Amino acid sequence: QQVRVVGATEKPASIPYRANMTLLDAMISVGGLSQYAAGNKAKLVRYDRGTGKSQEYGLQISSLLKKGDSRANVRLEPGDVIIIPESMF
């Protein structure tokens, strides 16, 4: 199983899921946010096998990485997709 991190990161990638993986683990694996990332507008897309639908959740990646806000460090699940948009100037 994989966790995908796409968008404004240093190295967008699919990374192998491991037990108890968190958002911080995933961000370290992809080298953090790119220079123009809008980290606090990022989304987590999680497929719910029970309903057959995808759910979207807001992420606060900038708060996690720049301010050390541990509340923003969510636990990931296999198949999660993290989408990080670029900021508009």
N, C-alpha and C. Protein backbone atom coordinates (compact mmCIF):
# COMPACT_ATOMS: atom_id res chain seq x y z
N GLN A 1 0.84 -1.20 0.00
CA GLN A 1 0.00 0.00 0.00
C GLN A 1 0.87 1.25 0.00
N GLN A 2 0.35 2.28 -0.61
CA GLN A 2 1.10 3.52 -0.78
C GLN A 2 0.35 4.70 -0.17
N VAL A 3 1.10 5.75 0.12
CA VAL A 3 0.56 7.07 0.42
C VAL A 3 1.15 7.98 -0.65
N ARG A 4 0.30 8.74 -1.34
CA ARG A 4 0.80 9.62 -2.39
C ARG A 4 0.80 11.06 -1.90
N VAL A 5 1.88 11.77 -2.21
CA VAL A 5 1.99 13.19 -1.89
C VAL A 5 2.23 13.90 -3.21
N VAL A 6 1.26 14.74 -3.62
CA VAL A 6 1.33 15.39 -4.92
C VAL A 6 1.20 16.90 -4.76
N GLY A 7 1.69 17.62 -5.76
CA GLY A 7 1.58 19.07 -5.75
C GLY A 7 2.88 19.73 -5.35
N ALA A 8 2.76 20.78 -4.54
CA ALA A 8 3.88 21.67 -4.24
C ALA A 8 4.77 21.15 -3.12
N THR A 9 5.49 20.05 -3.42
CA THR A 9 6.50 19.54 -2.49
C THR A 9 7.84 19.55 -3.21
N GLU A 10 8.90 19.33 -2.48
CA GLU A 10 10.21 19.26 -3.11
C GLU A 10 10.32 18.05 -4.03
N LYS A 11 9.74 16.91 -3.62
CA LYS A 11 9.82 15.68 -4.42
C LYS A 11 8.49 14.94 -4.34
N PRO A 12 7.49 15.32 -5.15
CA PRO A 12 6.21 14.59 -5.11
C PRO A 12 6.47 13.10 -5.33
N ALA A 13 5.78 12.24 -4.58
CA ALA A 13 6.11 10.82 -4.64
C ALA A 13 4.98 9.96 -4.09
N SER A 14 5.03 8.68 -4.47
CA SER A 14 4.27 7.65 -3.78
C SER A 14 5.24 7.00 -2.82
N ILE A 15 4.86 6.95 -1.56
CA ILE A 15 5.77 6.38 -0.57
C ILE A 15 5.09 5.18 0.08
N PRO A 16 5.86 4.16 0.43
CA PRO A 16 5.26 2.97 1.04
C PRO A 16 4.64 3.32 2.39
N TYR A 17 3.40 2.86 2.58
CA TYR A 17 2.75 3.07 3.87
C TYR A 17 3.40 2.16 4.91
N ARG A 18 3.55 2.69 6.12
CA ARG A 18 3.99 1.84 7.23
C ARG A 18 3.11 2.13 8.44
N ALA A 19 3.06 1.20 9.35
CA ALA A 19 2.18 1.30 10.51
C ALA A 19 2.43 2.60 11.27
N ASN A 20 1.37 3.23 11.73
CA ASN A 20 1.42 4.46 12.53
C ASN A 20 2.05 5.64 11.79
N MET A 21 2.01 5.62 10.48
CA MET A 21 2.58 6.71 9.68
C MET A 21 1.77 7.98 9.89
N THR A 22 2.47 9.11 9.99
CA THR A 22 1.80 10.39 10.19
C THR A 22 2.11 11.34 9.03
N LEU A 23 1.40 12.44 9.02
CA LEU A 23 1.63 13.48 8.01
C LEU A 23 3.08 13.95 8.04
N LEU A 24 3.64 14.12 9.23
CA LEU A 24 5.03 14.57 9.34
C LEU A 24 5.98 13.56 8.69
N ASP A 25 5.75 12.27 8.92
CA ASP A 25 6.58 11.24 8.29
C ASP A 25 6.55 11.38 6.77
N ALA A 26 5.34 11.58 6.23
CA ALA A 26 5.19 11.70 4.78
C ALA A 26 5.90 12.94 4.26
N MET A 27 5.78 14.05 4.97
CA MET A 27 6.40 15.30 4.51
C MET A 27 7.92 15.20 4.56
N ILE A 28 8.46 14.52 5.55
CA ILE A 28 9.92 14.31 5.60
C ILE A 28 10.36 13.47 4.40
N SER A 29 9.57 12.47 4.05
CA SER A 29 9.91 11.59 2.92
C SER A 29 9.96 12.33 1.59
N VAL A 30 9.14 13.37 1.44
CA VAL A 30 9.12 14.11 0.16
C VAL A 30 9.91 15.41 0.23
N GLY A 31 10.67 15.61 1.29
CA GLY A 31 11.55 16.77 1.37
C GLY A 31 10.87 18.06 1.77
N GLY A 32 9.65 17.98 2.30
CA GLY A 32 8.96 19.18 2.77
C GLY A 32 8.21 19.91 1.66
N LEU A 33 7.73 21.08 2.01
CA LEU A 33 6.97 21.91 1.07
C LEU A 33 7.91 22.62 0.11
N SER A 34 7.42 22.88 -1.10
CA SER A 34 8.20 23.69 -2.03
C SER A 34 8.10 25.16 -1.62
N GLN A 35 8.88 25.99 -2.26
CA GLN A 35 8.95 27.41 -1.90
C GLN A 35 7.59 28.10 -2.00
N TYR A 36 6.77 27.69 -2.96
CA TYR A 36 5.51 28.39 -3.20
C TYR A 36 4.29 27.61 -2.72
N ALA A 37 4.49 26.63 -1.88
CA ALA A 37 3.37 25.80 -1.42
C ALA A 37 2.44 26.57 -0.50
N ALA A 38 1.15 26.29 -0.64
CA ALA A 38 0.14 26.80 0.30
C ALA A 38 -0.19 25.64 1.24
N GLY A 39 0.72 25.39 2.18
CA GLY A 39 0.62 24.20 3.02
C GLY A 39 -0.63 24.12 3.86
N ASN A 40 -1.16 25.26 4.30
CA ASN A 40 -2.36 25.23 5.13
C ASN A 40 -3.64 25.14 4.31
N LYS A 41 -3.51 25.05 2.98
CA LYS A 41 -4.67 24.82 2.12
C LYS A 41 -4.64 23.42 1.53
N ALA A 42 -3.74 22.59 2.03
CA ALA A 42 -3.59 21.23 1.53
C ALA A 42 -4.80 20.38 1.92
N LYS A 43 -4.99 19.29 1.18
CA LYS A 43 -6.11 18.39 1.44
C LYS A 43 -5.61 16.96 1.54
N LEU A 44 -6.31 16.20 2.35
CA LEU A 44 -6.12 14.75 2.42
C LEU A 44 -7.35 14.12 1.79
N VAL A 45 -7.13 13.26 0.79
CA VAL A 45 -8.23 12.53 0.17
C VAL A 45 -8.12 11.08 0.61
N ARG A 46 -9.17 10.59 1.26
CA ARG A 46 -9.16 9.23 1.80
C ARG A 46 -10.37 8.48 1.26
N TYR A 47 -10.11 7.33 0.68
CA TYR A 47 -11.18 6.48 0.14
C TYR A 47 -11.77 5.66 1.27
N ASP A 48 -13.08 5.71 1.39
CA ASP A 48 -13.78 4.95 2.42
C ASP A 48 -14.34 3.69 1.79
N ARG A 49 -13.76 2.55 2.13
CA ARG A 49 -14.20 1.29 1.52
C ARG A 49 -15.64 0.97 1.89
N GLY A 50 -16.06 1.38 3.06
CA GLY A 50 -17.43 1.10 3.51
C GLY A 50 -18.48 1.75 2.64
N THR A 51 -18.26 3.02 2.29
CA THR A 51 -19.25 3.75 1.50
C THR A 51 -18.90 3.77 0.02
N GLY A 52 -17.65 3.44 -0.32
CA GLY A 52 -17.22 3.50 -1.71
C GLY A 52 -16.97 4.92 -2.19
N LYS A 53 -16.89 5.87 -1.25
CA LYS A 53 -16.70 7.27 -1.62
C LYS A 53 -15.40 7.80 -1.04
N SER A 54 -14.92 8.88 -1.64
CA SER A 54 -13.73 9.55 -1.11
C SER A 54 -14.17 10.70 -0.21
N GLN A 55 -13.44 10.88 0.87
CA GLN A 55 -13.66 12.00 1.78
C GLN A 55 -12.47 12.94 1.67
N GLU A 56 -12.72 14.24 1.78
CA GLU A 56 -11.64 15.22 1.79
C GLU A 56 -11.55 15.87 3.15
N TYR A 57 -10.32 16.05 3.61
CA TYR A 57 -10.07 16.70 4.90
C TYR A 57 -9.03 17.79 4.69
N GLY A 58 -9.20 18.92 5.35
CA GLY A 58 -8.20 19.98 5.28
C GLY A 58 -6.98 19.64 6.12
N LEU A 59 -5.81 20.02 5.64
CA LEU A 59 -4.57 19.80 6.38
C LEU A 59 -3.90 21.14 6.66
N GLN A 60 -3.18 21.20 7.76
CA GLN A 60 -2.44 22.42 8.15
C GLN A 60 -0.94 22.10 8.13
N ILE A 61 -0.41 21.84 6.93
CA ILE A 61 0.98 21.40 6.82
C ILE A 61 1.96 22.50 7.22
N SER A 62 1.67 23.74 6.83
CA SER A 62 2.58 24.83 7.21
C SER A 62 2.66 24.99 8.72
N SER A 63 1.51 24.89 9.40
CA SER A 63 1.50 24.99 10.86
C SER A 63 2.33 23.87 11.48
N LEU A 64 2.21 22.67 10.91
CA LEU A 64 2.96 21.52 11.42
C LEU A 64 4.46 21.72 11.24
N LEU A 65 4.88 22.09 10.02
CA LEU A 65 6.31 22.15 9.72
C LEU A 65 6.99 23.41 10.25
N LYS A 66 6.29 24.54 10.21
CA LYS A 66 6.95 25.80 10.57
C LYS A 66 6.74 26.18 12.03
N LYS A 67 5.61 25.75 12.62
CA LYS A 67 5.32 26.14 14.00
C LYS A 67 5.35 24.95 14.95
N GLY A 68 5.53 23.75 14.41
CA GLY A 68 5.56 22.56 15.26
C GLY A 68 4.23 22.24 15.91
N ASP A 69 3.13 22.59 15.23
CA ASP A 69 1.80 22.35 15.79
C ASP A 69 1.46 20.86 15.69
N SER A 70 1.61 20.14 16.79
CA SER A 70 1.42 18.69 16.76
C SER A 70 -0.04 18.29 16.49
N ARG A 71 -0.98 19.20 16.72
CA ARG A 71 -2.39 18.88 16.42
C ARG A 71 -2.59 18.70 14.92
N ALA A 72 -1.69 19.27 14.11
CA ALA A 72 -1.80 19.16 12.66
C ALA A 72 -1.19 17.86 12.14
N ASN A 73 -0.56 17.09 13.02
CA ASN A 73 0.13 15.87 12.59
C ASN A 73 -0.83 14.69 12.60
N VAL A 74 -1.63 14.56 11.55
CA VAL A 74 -2.66 13.52 11.49
C VAL A 74 -2.06 12.17 11.13
N ARG A 75 -2.72 11.12 11.59
CA ARG A 75 -2.31 9.76 11.24
C ARG A 75 -2.82 9.44 9.84
N LEU A 76 -1.97 8.82 9.05
CA LEU A 76 -2.33 8.46 7.68
C LEU A 76 -2.79 7.02 7.60
N GLU A 77 -3.49 6.71 6.52
CA GLU A 77 -3.95 5.35 6.25
C GLU A 77 -3.48 4.96 4.85
N PRO A 78 -3.35 3.64 4.60
CA PRO A 78 -2.94 3.20 3.26
C PRO A 78 -3.89 3.74 2.20
N GLY A 79 -3.32 4.21 1.10
CA GLY A 79 -4.12 4.73 0.00
C GLY A 79 -4.43 6.21 0.09
N ASP A 80 -4.05 6.86 1.19
CA ASP A 80 -4.30 8.30 1.32
C ASP A 80 -3.55 9.07 0.24
N VAL A 81 -4.15 10.18 -0.19
CA VAL A 81 -3.52 11.09 -1.14
C VAL A 81 -3.48 12.47 -0.50
N ILE A 82 -2.29 13.05 -0.42
CA ILE A 82 -2.11 14.40 0.12
C ILE A 82 -1.89 15.33 -1.07
N ILE A 83 -2.74 16.34 -1.19
CA ILE A 83 -2.67 17.28 -2.32
C ILE A 83 -2.29 18.65 -1.77
N ILE A 84 -1.17 19.18 -2.26
CA ILE A 84 -0.66 20.46 -1.76
C ILE A 84 -0.69 21.48 -2.90
N PRO A 85 -1.56 22.49 -2.80
CA PRO A 85 -1.63 23.49 -3.87
C PRO A 85 -0.50 24.51 -3.76
N GLU A 86 -0.27 25.23 -4.86
CA GLU A 86 0.65 26.36 -4.81
C GLU A 86 -0.13 27.59 -4.39
N SER A 87 0.55 28.49 -3.69
CA SER A 87 -0.12 29.72 -3.27
C SER A 87 -0.20 30.68 -4.45
N MET A 88 -1.26 31.46 -4.47
CA MET A 88 -1.43 32.48 -5.50
C MET A 88 -0.99 33.81 -4.91
N PHE A 89 -0.23 34.55 -5.66
CA PHE A 89 0.30 35.81 -5.13
C PHE A 89 -0.66 36.94 -5.38
